[in-house]
Amino acid sequence: MSSATTNLVVVGAGYAGVTAANRFCASLTAEEALGVEVLMINPLPKFVERIRLHELAAGTVSTVSRSLAEMLHPKVRVLVGTVAYIDPDQKAVDVVTPDGLVEISYSTLIYAVGSSTAQNIPGVLEHSYPLGDLEGALRARAAIASSQAGIRVVVVGGGATGVEVASEISEQRTDASVTLLSSGPVLQFMLPKARRDIEKTLRRLKIDVRDDARVERVTAAGVELADGTTVPSDVTIWAASFRVPELAKVSGLAVDSAGRLRVDEHLQALDYPDIIGGGDAIKTPDTVGAHLRMSCAAAIPLGGQAADTALAQLRGTRPTALSVGYLIQCFSLGRKAGYIQFVRADDTPRHMHIAGKLGATIKESICRMVVSGPQKEITKPNSYFTPKGPKRTKQTTVAR
């Protein structure tokens, strides 16, 4: 890469990274495009529809990945590899590739490394199938598909992922015994009526739901709980909390207690404005992002904002402040039912919902939209609709 060229490096090809790369490239003028090169670095040469991993694990679909060529603006080059270190002072990254270690220089870096399933309980890595990435979902699918009738499946995690995968498996494998373990109430962030409605559907699917089931250990025989009991399991699916890569932390960048890159209201890393964050792996100021959760609903607009900030840097203009809100929370409960919970901009629930078959139809349309939306940014930048965020809080600065 020529030193006279502006080099944008995007780390991560998830919902945020793809959206950022596409919007940035599509927004360039013809003159700007001549002086800009865009490189995306990702461990796989494919885009993974992460919100469909539960469908893959259950055997409902055969694939949830697409080639990056199908998803990206033609100006974006792809390097298959994993970024091991960011040197913010030298403005370079070390990348582990199949051909060895490569150093890549950048003018601006978009940090969109995403998240994966946390595996901090003994035995999770050895005896369960984490549902936070493609490999885990494929392994779970193979284990379930090769099992005999009457398989015992235990899903750990009472959040959206756990509920969705338990429902999907129970519907696809009617011979299976499916147990859903939750450390607290299932979907405890939802309104009581919504939880009751969803639990009714789970019972219809013959899922054994166990609240207040705190997992101590996972073994080859099952899941050991804090009360001393063991839930027998042939296949254990781990769908509990999420974690982010330690890349920002090991690179000496400012992170929060969870290891997320700390950014300002423009998504610029503290002390290093040429590093811009997007997606699950960043911590925005509470003034503009206290309500944001790890989700594609946040990742896509955060990716768009990252592109806008990168463009502002290129043009020497002031970037706009982040403003991202929510409209709904949505869950699939197998192929025949879904639940759409309307929410305020700050993600708090409204007393409005859509359930049943119509809920499933809406959920499916959203799953398609979060693929077509980033794709449309290739030719129509800023076409992805993002609700405005809630009113800013009184805090106006971020501690450095």
Foldseek 3Di string as FASTA:
>chain_A
DDPQAAEEEEEDDELLRLLLQQLLQQPDDPVNLVRYAYEYEEQDQWYFLLVCLLCLLLVVDVGRIDGVVLRHFPRYHYANFHFQAAQLVQQWTWTQHPVGIDIDHHQFYEYAQAWFADDPAAACVPAAQESGDNVSSNVSNVLVVPDDFAFEEEEEALEQVSQQNQLANLVSRVRYAYEYEYLAQRNVLADPVVSVVSVVLCVVSVYHYDGNFAFRYADCQATATPVGDGDGHNHYYYHHDMAGDQHCVVNPFDADPRNAFEAEQLQAGVPRRSYGYAAQRHDYDCQADVLDHRDSLRRNVRSLSSSQSNVCVVVVHDRDGDWFFDAWDKHDSHQFKIKIFGAGRSRRTDPDIDMTNVSSVVVVVVSVCSRVVSRVSNNPNPPDDGDTHDHGDPDDDDDD
